[in-house]
């Protein structure tokens, strides 16, 4: 285990528990501060209970406390980009929670993951970063990804795990 994770800290910011290194906590507070200034902030703590430092990013929407695990390439990017990533994964959790409320048990994976769900999450992310004054290049990049979101390899079963483990963000 790396030294980075041995020095894990935890604090609550705006009702969201943040777990990670001191540097991770600083970057997460900055991203949450940007989100707090948007009309979208009230959605974030409703669907993310924990933001946790990890080796790669992903949303654990089915966890008792929905947890956004964040890789270094994401949390160490600009505060605006990181805030957008929080919003994006918050929306995955929102889709999961809404689908779970309409099913008897676990919702189907394509209700909150896969290309259609990814497009919805990217749309929300774009709205959020635009409200924070994102530059044209960032918006253009996200809109391009929104057109073809399958770049993240939304497969099922073992190939889904392989896609997750290959992530570098």
Foldseek 3Di string as FASTA:
>chain_A
DDPFAVQWDWDADPQAIEITHPLLVVLQVLLLVLLVPFPPNVLLVVQARYEYEDCDWDWPLVDPGTYTYHHCVQSVPHSLSVNLVSQLRSQLSVQQVVQCVVDDDGGDPVSRDDLVNNLVSLVRSLVSSVRSVDDPVVSVVSVVCSVPVCPLPPDDDPVNVVSRVPGRD
